[in-house]
């Protein structure tokens, strides 16, 4: 395929395209997405027609989501503690002594 033929397959880029932010290829799910997925997994596992192999796969996925959610919460708690402790400053002497 020549360069000209290849160029026809790609959309034309304009100057505004160069300024567009580059999205990460795959962003890790956040806490809310993980909790929502856990609800779906739980509902599926509670149904009567789940084959053993699927149940095991869902269980493994659920455990991974729970562990990552726990890490997210621990990291968030640590960050909040750091922010709160970082705001403590010595009182200012406003009387000018």
N, C-alpha and C. Protein backbone atom coordinates (compact mmCIF):
# COMPACT_ATOMS: atom_id res chain seq x y z
N UNK A 1 0.85 -1.16 0.00
CA UNK A 1 0.00 0.00 0.00
C UNK A 1 0.90 1.23 0.00
N UNK A 2 0.59 2.17 -0.83
CA UNK A 2 1.41 3.38 -0.91
C UNK A 2 1.02 4.34 0.20
N UNK A 3 1.82 5.38 0.38
CA UNK A 3 1.55 6.37 1.41
C UNK A 3 0.22 7.05 1.15
N UNK A 4 -0.07 7.38 -0.13
CA UNK A 4 -1.32 8.04 -0.48
C UNK A 4 -2.52 7.15 -0.18
N UNK A 5 -2.43 5.86 -0.46
CA UNK A 5 -3.53 4.95 -0.18
C UNK A 5 -3.78 4.83 1.31
N UNK A 6 -2.70 4.80 2.09
CA UNK A 6 -2.83 4.71 3.55
C UNK A 6 -3.47 5.97 4.11
N UNK A 7 -3.12 7.11 3.56
CA UNK A 7 -3.64 8.39 4.05
C UNK A 7 -5.14 8.48 3.83
N UNK A 8 -5.68 7.83 2.79
CA UNK A 8 -7.11 7.87 2.54
C UNK A 8 -7.88 7.13 3.63
N UNK A 9 -7.26 6.16 4.29
CA UNK A 9 -7.94 5.39 5.32
C UNK A 9 -8.04 6.15 6.64
N UNK A 10 -7.20 7.12 6.85
CA UNK A 10 -7.19 7.86 8.11
C UNK A 10 -7.97 9.15 7.98
N UNK A 11 -8.69 9.55 9.02
CA UNK A 11 -9.42 10.82 8.96
C UNK A 11 -8.44 11.98 8.91
N UNK A 12 -8.88 13.04 8.24
CA UNK A 12 -8.04 14.24 8.13
C UNK A 12 -7.90 14.88 9.49
N UNK A 13 -6.71 15.33 9.80
CA UNK A 13 -6.46 16.00 11.08
C UNK A 13 -6.31 17.48 10.84
N UNK A 14 -6.90 18.25 11.70
CA UNK A 14 -6.78 19.69 11.62
C UNK A 14 -5.96 20.20 12.79
N UNK A 15 -5.73 21.52 12.83
CA UNK A 15 -4.94 22.09 13.93
C UNK A 15 -5.55 21.86 15.30
N UNK A 16 -6.88 21.81 15.38
CA UNK A 16 -7.51 21.60 16.69
C UNK A 16 -7.23 20.20 17.23
N UNK A 17 -6.99 19.24 16.35
CA UNK A 17 -6.72 17.87 16.79
C UNK A 17 -5.41 17.79 17.56
N UNK A 18 -4.46 18.64 17.24
CA UNK A 18 -3.16 18.61 17.93
C UNK A 18 -3.28 19.08 19.37
N UNK A 19 -4.29 19.89 19.66
CA UNK A 19 -4.47 20.42 21.01
C UNK A 19 -5.34 19.53 21.88
N UNK A 20 -5.96 18.52 21.29
CA UNK A 20 -6.87 17.65 22.04
C UNK A 20 -6.06 16.83 23.05
N UNK A 21 -6.60 16.67 24.26
CA UNK A 21 -5.89 15.85 25.26
C UNK A 21 -5.83 14.40 24.81
N UNK A 22 -4.75 13.77 25.15
CA UNK A 22 -4.58 12.36 24.82
C UNK A 22 -5.14 11.55 25.97
N UNK A 23 -6.12 10.73 25.67
CA UNK A 23 -6.74 9.89 26.68
C UNK A 23 -5.88 8.67 26.93
N UNK A 24 -5.79 8.24 28.18
CA UNK A 24 -5.06 7.00 28.45
C UNK A 24 -5.79 5.84 27.78
N UNK A 25 -5.07 4.85 27.30
CA UNK A 25 -5.70 3.76 26.57
C UNK A 25 -6.71 2.99 27.41
N UNK A 26 -6.44 2.79 28.67
CA UNK A 26 -7.36 2.04 29.52
C UNK A 26 -7.22 2.55 30.94
N UNK A 27 -8.26 3.19 31.42
CA UNK A 27 -8.20 3.73 32.77
C UNK A 27 -8.75 2.70 33.76
N UNK A 28 -8.09 2.58 34.89
CA UNK A 28 -8.53 1.63 35.91
C UNK A 28 -9.85 2.10 36.51
N UNK A 29 -10.77 1.17 36.75
CA UNK A 29 -12.05 1.57 37.33
C UNK A 29 -11.88 2.17 38.72
N UNK A 30 -12.71 3.13 39.02
CA UNK A 30 -12.68 3.75 40.34
C UNK A 30 -13.52 2.97 41.34
N UNK A 31 -13.62 3.49 42.53
CA UNK A 31 -14.34 2.82 43.61
C UNK A 31 -15.80 2.59 43.24
N UNK A 32 -16.46 3.61 42.71
CA UNK A 32 -17.88 3.49 42.38
C UNK A 32 -18.11 2.43 41.32
N UNK A 33 -17.26 2.39 40.30
CA UNK A 33 -17.40 1.37 39.25
C UNK A 33 -17.18 -0.03 39.81
N UNK A 34 -16.22 -0.15 40.70
CA UNK A 34 -15.95 -1.46 41.30
C UNK A 34 -17.13 -1.93 42.15
N UNK A 35 -17.72 -1.03 42.93
CA UNK A 35 -18.87 -1.40 43.75
C UNK A 35 -20.05 -1.80 42.88
N UNK A 36 -20.26 -1.07 41.79
CA UNK A 36 -21.35 -1.41 40.88
C UNK A 36 -21.13 -2.79 40.25
N UNK A 37 -19.90 -3.07 39.86
CA UNK A 37 -19.59 -4.38 39.27
C UNK A 37 -19.78 -5.48 40.31
N UNK A 38 -19.41 -5.21 41.56
CA UNK A 38 -19.60 -6.21 42.62
C UNK A 38 -21.09 -6.53 42.81
N UNK A 39 -21.94 -5.53 42.68
CA UNK A 39 -23.38 -5.78 42.79
C UNK A 39 -23.86 -6.69 41.66
N UNK A 40 -23.36 -6.47 40.45
CA UNK A 40 -23.72 -7.31 39.30
C UNK A 40 -23.23 -8.74 39.53
N UNK A 41 -21.99 -8.87 39.99
CA UNK A 41 -21.41 -10.20 40.25
C UNK A 41 -22.23 -10.93 41.30
N UNK A 42 -22.57 -10.24 42.38
CA UNK A 42 -23.34 -10.86 43.46
C UNK A 42 -24.71 -11.32 42.97
N UNK A 43 -25.37 -10.48 42.20
CA UNK A 43 -26.70 -10.85 41.68
C UNK A 43 -26.60 -12.09 40.79
N UNK A 44 -25.57 -12.14 39.96
CA UNK A 44 -25.40 -13.29 39.07
C UNK A 44 -25.09 -14.55 39.88
N UNK A 45 -24.24 -14.44 40.87
CA UNK A 45 -23.87 -15.61 41.66
C UNK A 45 -25.04 -16.12 42.51
N UNK A 46 -25.96 -15.24 42.88
CA UNK A 46 -27.11 -15.66 43.67
C UNK A 46 -28.18 -16.35 42.84
N UNK A 47 -28.08 -16.25 41.51
CA UNK A 47 -29.07 -16.93 40.68
C UNK A 47 -28.81 -18.43 40.69
N UNK A 48 -29.85 -19.19 40.39
CA UNK A 48 -29.76 -20.64 40.50
C UNK A 48 -29.08 -21.32 39.33
N UNK A 49 -28.89 -20.62 38.22
CA UNK A 49 -28.41 -21.28 37.01
C UNK A 49 -26.97 -20.94 36.64
N UNK A 50 -26.12 -20.69 37.63
CA UNK A 50 -24.72 -20.33 37.35
C UNK A 50 -23.88 -21.60 37.35
N UNK A 51 -23.24 -21.89 36.20
CA UNK A 51 -22.34 -23.04 36.18
C UNK A 51 -21.15 -22.82 37.11
N UNK A 52 -20.60 -23.90 37.61
CA UNK A 52 -19.51 -23.83 38.57
C UNK A 52 -18.33 -23.01 38.06
N UNK A 53 -17.93 -23.23 36.81
CA UNK A 53 -16.77 -22.50 36.26
C UNK A 53 -17.04 -21.00 36.20
N UNK A 54 -18.25 -20.62 35.83
CA UNK A 54 -18.58 -19.19 35.78
C UNK A 54 -18.62 -18.61 37.19
N UNK A 55 -19.17 -19.37 38.13
CA UNK A 55 -19.22 -18.91 39.52
C UNK A 55 -17.81 -18.68 40.06
N UNK A 56 -16.91 -19.58 39.75
CA UNK A 56 -15.53 -19.43 40.21
C UNK A 56 -14.87 -18.20 39.58
N UNK A 57 -15.10 -18.01 38.28
CA UNK A 57 -14.54 -16.84 37.59
C UNK A 57 -15.10 -15.56 38.19
N UNK A 58 -16.40 -15.52 38.44
CA UNK A 58 -17.02 -14.34 39.04
C UNK A 58 -16.49 -14.09 40.46
N UNK A 59 -16.33 -15.16 41.21
CA UNK A 59 -15.80 -15.03 42.57
C UNK A 59 -14.39 -14.43 42.54
N UNK A 60 -13.54 -14.93 41.65
CA UNK A 60 -12.18 -14.40 41.54
C UNK A 60 -12.19 -12.93 41.15
N UNK A 61 -13.05 -12.57 40.21
CA UNK A 61 -13.15 -11.16 39.81
C UNK A 61 -13.63 -10.31 40.98
N UNK A 62 -14.61 -10.82 41.71
CA UNK A 62 -15.13 -10.08 42.86
C UNK A 62 -14.08 -9.86 43.93
N UNK A 63 -13.30 -10.89 44.22
CA UNK A 63 -12.23 -10.76 45.22
C UNK A 63 -11.23 -9.69 44.78
N UNK A 64 -10.89 -9.68 43.50
CA UNK A 64 -9.95 -8.68 42.99
C UNK A 64 -10.52 -7.27 43.15
N UNK A 65 -11.81 -7.10 42.87
CA UNK A 65 -12.44 -5.78 43.03
C UNK A 65 -12.46 -5.36 44.50
N UNK A 66 -12.76 -6.28 45.39
CA UNK A 66 -12.80 -5.96 46.82
C UNK A 66 -11.41 -5.54 47.30
N UNK A 67 -10.40 -6.29 46.92
CA UNK A 67 -9.03 -5.96 47.37
C UNK A 67 -8.60 -4.60 46.86
N UNK A 68 -8.90 -4.30 45.59
CA UNK A 68 -8.50 -3.00 45.03
C UNK A 68 -9.32 -1.88 45.68
N UNK A 69 -10.59 -2.14 45.95
CA UNK A 69 -11.42 -1.13 46.61
C UNK A 69 -10.88 -0.81 48.00
N UNK A 70 -10.44 -1.84 48.71
CA UNK A 70 -9.84 -1.62 50.03
C UNK A 70 -8.58 -0.77 49.92
N UNK A 71 -7.77 -1.02 48.90
CA UNK A 71 -6.56 -0.20 48.71
C UNK A 71 -6.92 1.25 48.37
N UNK A 72 -7.94 1.43 47.53
CA UNK A 72 -8.38 2.79 47.19
C UNK A 72 -8.82 3.53 48.44
N UNK A 73 -9.60 2.87 49.28
CA UNK A 73 -10.07 3.51 50.51
C UNK A 73 -8.91 3.82 51.46
N UNK A 74 -7.96 2.90 51.58
CA UNK A 74 -6.81 3.14 52.46
C UNK A 74 -5.96 4.30 51.94
N UNK A 75 -5.75 4.36 50.62
CA UNK A 75 -4.98 5.45 50.04
C UNK A 75 -5.70 6.78 50.23
N UNK A 76 -7.02 6.77 50.08
CA UNK A 76 -7.80 7.99 50.26
C UNK A 76 -7.74 8.46 51.70
N UNK A 77 -7.87 7.53 52.63
CA UNK A 77 -7.78 7.88 54.05
C UNK A 77 -6.42 8.48 54.38
N UNK A 78 -5.37 7.89 53.86
CA UNK A 78 -4.02 8.40 54.10
C UNK A 78 -3.87 9.81 53.52
N UNK A 79 -4.41 10.01 52.34
CA UNK A 79 -4.32 11.33 51.70
C UNK A 79 -5.07 12.38 52.51
N UNK A 80 -6.23 12.03 53.02
CA UNK A 80 -7.00 12.97 53.85
C UNK A 80 -6.23 13.30 55.12
N UNK A 81 -5.64 12.30 55.74
CA UNK A 81 -4.84 12.55 56.94
C UNK A 81 -3.66 13.46 56.64
N UNK A 82 -3.01 13.24 55.49
CA UNK A 82 -1.89 14.10 55.10
C UNK A 82 -2.35 15.54 54.88
N UNK A 83 -3.49 15.69 54.22
CA UNK A 83 -4.00 17.04 53.95
C UNK A 83 -4.37 17.75 55.25
N UNK A 84 -5.00 17.03 56.16
CA UNK A 84 -5.38 17.66 57.43
C UNK A 84 -4.18 18.00 58.27
N UNK A 85 -3.19 17.15 58.32
CA UNK A 85 -2.01 17.44 59.12
C UNK A 85 -1.15 18.52 58.47
N UNK A 86 -1.21 18.66 57.18
CA UNK A 86 -0.43 19.68 56.47
C UNK A 86 -0.97 21.08 56.67
N UNK A 87 -2.23 21.21 57.08
CA UNK A 87 -2.83 22.52 57.26
C UNK A 87 -2.54 23.13 58.63
N UNK A 88 -1.93 22.37 59.49
CA UNK A 88 -1.64 22.89 60.83
C UNK A 88 -0.42 23.79 60.76
N UNK A 89 -0.64 25.03 61.09
CA UNK A 89 0.46 26.01 61.06
C UNK A 89 0.50 26.73 62.40
N UNK A 90 1.60 27.39 62.63
CA UNK A 90 1.74 28.17 63.87
C UNK A 90 0.87 29.42 63.76
N UNK A 91 0.22 29.81 64.85
CA UNK A 91 -0.61 31.02 64.81
C UNK A 91 0.24 32.26 64.56
N UNK A 92 -0.33 33.18 63.83
CA UNK A 92 0.38 34.43 63.52
C UNK A 92 0.24 35.41 64.67
N UNK A 93 1.28 36.21 64.88
CA UNK A 93 1.24 37.26 65.89
C UNK A 93 0.70 38.50 65.19
N UNK A 94 -0.57 38.78 65.38
CA UNK A 94 -1.21 39.91 64.71
C UNK A 94 -1.01 41.23 65.45
N UNK A 95 -0.49 41.19 66.66
CA UNK A 95 -0.31 42.41 67.43
C UNK A 95 1.00 43.11 67.13
N UNK A 96 1.88 42.46 66.37
CA UNK A 96 3.13 43.09 65.96
C UNK A 96 4.19 43.16 67.02
N UNK A 97 4.18 42.31 68.01
CA UNK A 97 5.18 42.37 69.07
C UNK A 97 6.45 41.68 68.71
